[in-house]
Amino acid sequence: MNPTDQKWPRLAAAVRRAEDPRDLAAPYGFATRVAALALAQERAVASLFERFSWRALGVAGLLAVVSLAGNYSTLVSAFQNESVSVDDPVSEIVDIAS
């Protein structure tokens, strides 16, 4: 009985030596036929789920824009405030320990 250590290298070497006789090239005009078939088909009617998901995406985007517009002054003031150490937990712990 052969040890399992020799079986795998022999099998891998045999696979490396094997040749593939198949022709891997696409037949003449294949890409043209595929493109013609894809462009010739009419777009199927969108499913109900797809229509609702696009509408939900639009509503979510609109809510994001409205939320940004409603909080614009708060966002601008937050970025203009240069107080970085107030929200830094490490500096707060150091201040407590001192």
N, C-alpha and C. Protein backbone atom coordinates (compact mmCIF):
# COMPACT_ATOMS: atom_id res chain seq x y z
N MET A 1 0.84 -1.18 0.00
CA MET A 1 0.00 0.00 0.00
C MET A 1 0.89 1.24 0.00
N ASN A 2 0.59 2.19 -0.89
CA ASN A 2 1.38 3.41 -1.00
C ASN A 2 0.96 4.40 0.08
N PRO A 3 1.92 5.10 0.64
CA PRO A 3 1.56 6.14 1.61
C PRO A 3 0.82 7.28 0.90
N THR A 4 -0.01 7.98 1.64
CA THR A 4 -0.80 9.05 1.05
C THR A 4 0.05 10.24 0.63
N ASP A 5 1.27 10.36 1.15
CA ASP A 5 2.14 11.47 0.78
C ASP A 5 2.54 11.42 -0.69
N GLN A 6 2.61 10.22 -1.28
CA GLN A 6 3.05 10.08 -2.67
C GLN A 6 1.89 10.16 -3.66
N LYS A 7 0.69 9.91 -3.21
CA LYS A 7 -0.44 9.87 -4.14
C LYS A 7 -0.75 11.27 -4.68
N TRP A 8 -0.78 12.25 -3.82
CA TRP A 8 -1.16 13.59 -4.27
C TRP A 8 -0.15 14.19 -5.26
N PRO A 9 1.16 14.15 -5.01
CA PRO A 9 2.10 14.69 -6.00
C PRO A 9 2.05 13.96 -7.34
N ARG A 10 1.83 12.63 -7.32
CA ARG A 10 1.74 11.89 -8.58
C ARG A 10 0.48 12.30 -9.36
N LEU A 11 -0.61 12.47 -8.65
CA LEU A 11 -1.86 12.89 -9.30
C LEU A 11 -1.72 14.30 -9.87
N ALA A 12 -1.13 15.21 -9.12
CA ALA A 12 -0.94 16.58 -9.59
C ALA A 12 -0.03 16.62 -10.80
N ALA A 13 1.02 15.82 -10.81
CA ALA A 13 1.93 15.77 -11.96
C ALA A 13 1.22 15.21 -13.18
N ALA A 14 0.38 14.21 -13.00
CA ALA A 14 -0.36 13.65 -14.13
C ALA A 14 -1.34 14.66 -14.71
N VAL A 15 -1.96 15.44 -13.87
CA VAL A 15 -2.89 16.46 -14.35
C VAL A 15 -2.15 17.54 -15.12
N ARG A 16 -0.98 17.93 -14.67
CA ARG A 16 -0.21 18.95 -15.36
C ARG A 16 0.21 18.48 -16.76
N ARG A 17 0.48 17.20 -16.92
CA ARG A 17 0.90 16.67 -18.21
C ARG A 17 -0.26 16.46 -19.17
N ALA A 18 -1.48 16.37 -18.68
CA ALA A 18 -2.63 16.09 -19.53
C ALA A 18 -2.92 17.29 -20.44
N GLU A 19 -3.33 16.98 -21.66
CA GLU A 19 -3.67 18.02 -22.62
C GLU A 19 -5.18 18.07 -22.80
N ASP A 20 -5.69 19.27 -23.07
CA ASP A 20 -7.12 19.45 -23.29
C ASP A 20 -7.35 19.54 -24.79
N PRO A 21 -7.97 18.53 -25.40
CA PRO A 21 -8.14 18.52 -26.86
C PRO A 21 -9.30 19.41 -27.34
N ARG A 22 -10.08 19.97 -26.43
CA ARG A 22 -11.24 20.77 -26.83
C ARG A 22 -10.79 22.10 -27.44
N ASP A 23 -11.59 22.57 -28.38
CA ASP A 23 -11.36 23.89 -28.97
C ASP A 23 -12.06 24.91 -28.09
N LEU A 24 -11.30 25.84 -27.51
CA LEU A 24 -11.86 26.80 -26.57
C LEU A 24 -12.32 28.09 -27.22
N ALA A 25 -12.12 28.24 -28.51
CA ALA A 25 -12.53 29.46 -29.19
C ALA A 25 -14.04 29.43 -29.45
N ALA A 26 -14.65 30.60 -29.38
CA ALA A 26 -16.08 30.72 -29.68
C ALA A 26 -16.28 30.58 -31.18
N PRO A 27 -17.42 30.05 -31.60
CA PRO A 27 -17.65 29.92 -33.05
C PRO A 27 -17.74 31.29 -33.72
N TYR A 28 -17.52 31.29 -35.03
CA TYR A 28 -17.52 32.53 -35.80
C TYR A 28 -18.89 33.20 -35.69
N GLY A 29 -18.92 34.49 -35.35
CA GLY A 29 -20.15 35.25 -35.28
C GLY A 29 -20.92 35.10 -33.97
N PHE A 30 -20.34 34.43 -32.99
CA PHE A 30 -21.03 34.19 -31.72
C PHE A 30 -21.34 35.49 -30.99
N ALA A 31 -20.36 36.38 -30.90
CA ALA A 31 -20.56 37.65 -30.18
C ALA A 31 -21.61 38.50 -30.89
N THR A 32 -21.62 38.48 -32.21
CA THR A 32 -22.60 39.26 -32.96
C THR A 32 -24.01 38.73 -32.72
N ARG A 33 -24.16 37.39 -32.71
CA ARG A 33 -25.49 36.80 -32.47
C ARG A 33 -25.98 37.11 -31.07
N VAL A 34 -25.09 37.03 -30.09
CA VAL A 34 -25.49 37.30 -28.71
C VAL A 34 -25.91 38.76 -28.55
N ALA A 35 -25.15 39.67 -29.14
CA ALA A 35 -25.50 41.10 -29.06
C ALA A 35 -26.80 41.38 -29.78
N ALA A 36 -27.03 40.76 -30.93
CA ALA A 36 -28.26 40.97 -31.68
C ALA A 36 -29.46 40.44 -30.91
N LEU A 37 -29.33 39.28 -30.29
CA LEU A 37 -30.43 38.73 -29.49
C LEU A 37 -30.74 39.59 -28.28
N ALA A 38 -29.71 40.12 -27.66
CA ALA A 38 -29.92 40.95 -26.46
C ALA A 38 -30.61 42.26 -26.81
N LEU A 39 -30.25 42.85 -27.95
CA LEU A 39 -30.86 44.11 -28.34
C LEU A 39 -32.23 43.92 -28.97
N ALA A 40 -32.52 42.74 -29.49
CA ALA A 40 -33.79 42.50 -30.15
C ALA A 40 -34.92 42.26 -29.15
N GLN A 41 -34.59 41.74 -27.99
CA GLN A 41 -35.63 41.44 -27.01
C GLN A 41 -36.15 42.72 -26.39
N GLU A 42 -37.46 42.79 -26.24
CA GLU A 42 -38.05 43.94 -25.58
C GLU A 42 -37.89 43.78 -24.08
N ARG A 43 -37.82 44.91 -23.43
CA ARG A 43 -37.67 44.87 -21.98
C ARG A 43 -38.97 44.40 -21.38
N ALA A 44 -38.87 43.43 -20.51
CA ALA A 44 -40.05 42.90 -19.83
C ALA A 44 -40.59 43.94 -18.87
N VAL A 45 -41.87 43.87 -18.62
CA VAL A 45 -42.49 44.80 -17.69
C VAL A 45 -41.88 44.56 -16.31
N ALA A 46 -41.57 45.64 -15.65
CA ALA A 46 -40.94 45.54 -14.34
C ALA A 46 -41.89 44.89 -13.35
N SER A 47 -41.35 44.09 -12.49
CA SER A 47 -42.18 43.42 -11.49
C SER A 47 -42.69 44.44 -10.48
N LEU A 48 -43.71 44.03 -9.77
CA LEU A 48 -44.30 44.91 -8.77
C LEU A 48 -43.29 45.26 -7.69
N PHE A 49 -42.49 44.29 -7.28
CA PHE A 49 -41.46 44.52 -6.27
C PHE A 49 -40.43 45.53 -6.77
N GLU A 50 -40.05 45.42 -8.03
CA GLU A 50 -39.06 46.34 -8.58
C GLU A 50 -39.59 47.76 -8.62
N ARG A 51 -40.85 47.92 -9.02
CA ARG A 51 -41.44 49.26 -9.07
C ARG A 51 -41.50 49.88 -7.67
N PHE A 52 -41.93 49.09 -6.68
CA PHE A 52 -42.01 49.62 -5.32
C PHE A 52 -40.63 49.92 -4.75
N SER A 53 -39.65 49.11 -5.10
CA SER A 53 -38.30 49.36 -4.57
C SER A 53 -37.73 50.65 -5.15
N TRP A 54 -37.98 50.94 -6.43
CA TRP A 54 -37.50 52.19 -7.01
C TRP A 54 -38.20 53.38 -6.38
N ARG A 55 -39.50 53.23 -6.12
CA ARG A 55 -40.24 54.32 -5.46
C ARG A 55 -39.73 54.52 -4.04
N ALA A 56 -39.47 53.42 -3.33
CA ALA A 56 -38.95 53.53 -1.96
C ALA A 56 -37.59 54.19 -1.95
N LEU A 57 -36.76 53.89 -2.95
CA LEU A 57 -35.46 54.53 -3.06
C LEU A 57 -35.61 56.03 -3.27
N GLY A 58 -36.57 56.43 -4.09
CA GLY A 58 -36.82 57.85 -4.31
C GLY A 58 -37.31 58.54 -3.05
N VAL A 59 -38.20 57.90 -2.32
CA VAL A 59 -38.71 58.48 -1.07
C VAL A 59 -37.59 58.59 -0.05
N ALA A 60 -36.75 57.57 0.05
CA ALA A 60 -35.63 57.62 1.00
C ALA A 60 -34.65 58.73 0.64
N GLY A 61 -34.38 58.90 -0.64
CA GLY A 61 -33.49 59.99 -1.06
C GLY A 61 -34.09 61.35 -0.77
N LEU A 62 -35.40 61.49 -1.00
CA LEU A 62 -36.08 62.75 -0.71
C LEU A 62 -36.05 63.05 0.79
N LEU A 63 -36.28 62.03 1.61
CA LEU A 63 -36.21 62.23 3.07
C LEU A 63 -34.81 62.61 3.52
N ALA A 64 -33.80 62.05 2.90
CA ALA A 64 -32.43 62.40 3.25
C ALA A 64 -32.13 63.86 2.91
N VAL A 65 -32.60 64.31 1.76
CA VAL A 65 -32.37 65.70 1.36
C VAL A 65 -33.13 66.65 2.28
N VAL A 66 -34.39 66.31 2.61
CA VAL A 66 -35.17 67.15 3.51
C VAL A 66 -34.54 67.20 4.89
N SER A 67 -34.05 66.06 5.37
CA SER A 67 -33.39 66.02 6.67
C SER A 67 -32.12 66.87 6.68
N LEU A 68 -31.36 66.79 5.62
CA LEU A 68 -30.14 67.59 5.52
C LEU A 68 -30.48 69.08 5.47
N ALA A 69 -31.51 69.43 4.72
CA ALA A 69 -31.90 70.84 4.61
C ALA A 69 -32.43 71.35 5.94
N GLY A 70 -33.18 70.53 6.68
CA GLY A 70 -33.73 70.94 7.96
C GLY A 70 -32.68 71.12 9.04
N ASN A 71 -31.59 70.39 8.96
CA ASN A 71 -30.54 70.45 9.98
C ASN A 71 -29.29 71.14 9.47
N TYR A 72 -29.40 71.90 8.41
CA TYR A 72 -28.23 72.52 7.80
C TYR A 72 -27.53 73.48 8.76
N SER A 73 -28.29 74.29 9.46
CA SER A 73 -27.66 75.26 10.36
C SER A 73 -26.94 74.55 11.51
N THR A 74 -27.49 73.45 11.99
CA THR A 74 -26.83 72.69 13.05
C THR A 74 -25.54 72.06 12.55
N LEU A 75 -25.57 71.54 11.34
CA LEU A 75 -24.37 70.93 10.78
C LEU A 75 -23.28 71.96 10.55
N VAL A 76 -23.64 73.12 10.05
CA VAL A 76 -22.64 74.16 9.79
C VAL A 76 -22.02 74.64 11.09
N SER A 77 -22.85 74.84 12.12
CA SER A 77 -22.30 75.30 13.40
C SER A 77 -21.44 74.22 14.06
N ALA A 78 -21.75 72.97 13.85
CA ALA A 78 -20.94 71.89 14.42
C ALA A 78 -19.55 71.85 13.80
N PHE A 79 -19.45 72.15 12.52
CA PHE A 79 -18.14 72.13 11.87
C PHE A 79 -17.36 73.42 12.10
N GLN A 80 -18.03 74.49 12.43
CA GLN A 80 -17.34 75.74 12.71
C GLN A 80 -16.80 75.77 14.13
N ASN A 81 -17.38 75.01 15.01
CA ASN A 81 -16.94 74.97 16.41
C ASN A 81 -15.62 74.21 16.48
N GLU A 82 -14.60 74.81 17.02
CA GLU A 82 -13.26 74.21 17.04
C GLU A 82 -12.98 73.47 18.34
N SER A 83 -13.96 73.26 19.16
CA SER A 83 -13.77 72.59 20.45
C SER A 83 -13.72 71.08 20.24
N VAL A 84 -12.51 70.57 20.07
CA VAL A 84 -12.34 69.15 19.81
C VAL A 84 -12.23 68.37 21.11
N SER A 85 -11.60 68.94 22.12
CA SER A 85 -11.35 68.21 23.35
C SER A 85 -12.61 67.99 24.19
N VAL A 86 -13.69 68.69 23.91
CA VAL A 86 -14.93 68.53 24.68
C VAL A 86 -15.53 67.16 24.42
N ASP A 87 -15.46 66.68 23.20
CA ASP A 87 -16.04 65.39 22.86
C ASP A 87 -15.03 64.26 22.87
N ASP A 88 -13.81 64.52 23.29
CA ASP A 88 -12.78 63.50 23.29
C ASP A 88 -12.80 62.76 24.62
N PRO A 89 -13.18 61.46 24.65
CA PRO A 89 -13.27 60.73 25.91
C PRO A 89 -11.92 60.54 26.59
N VAL A 90 -10.84 60.46 25.83
CA VAL A 90 -9.52 60.27 26.42
C VAL A 90 -9.13 61.50 27.22
N SER A 91 -9.37 62.68 26.65
CA SER A 91 -9.01 63.90 27.38
C SER A 91 -9.88 64.07 28.63
N GLU A 92 -11.13 63.63 28.58
CA GLU A 92 -11.98 63.71 29.76
C GLU A 92 -11.46 62.81 30.87
N ILE A 93 -11.01 61.61 30.54
CA ILE A 93 -10.46 60.69 31.55
C ILE A 93 -9.19 61.25 32.13
N VAL A 94 -8.34 61.85 31.28
CA VAL A 94 -7.09 62.44 31.76
C VAL A 94 -7.39 63.61 32.70
N ASP A 95 -8.40 64.42 32.37
CA ASP A 95 -8.79 65.54 33.23
C ASP A 95 -9.31 65.03 34.57
N ILE A 96 -10.05 63.96 34.58
CA ILE A 96 -10.59 63.40 35.84
C ILE A 96 -9.45 62.84 36.68
N ALA A 97 -8.49 62.18 36.05
CA ALA A 97 -7.38 61.56 36.78
C ALA A 97 -6.41 62.60 37.32
N SER A 98 -6.35 63.77 36.75
CA SER A 98 -5.38 64.80 37.16
C SER A 98 -5.76 65.48 38.43
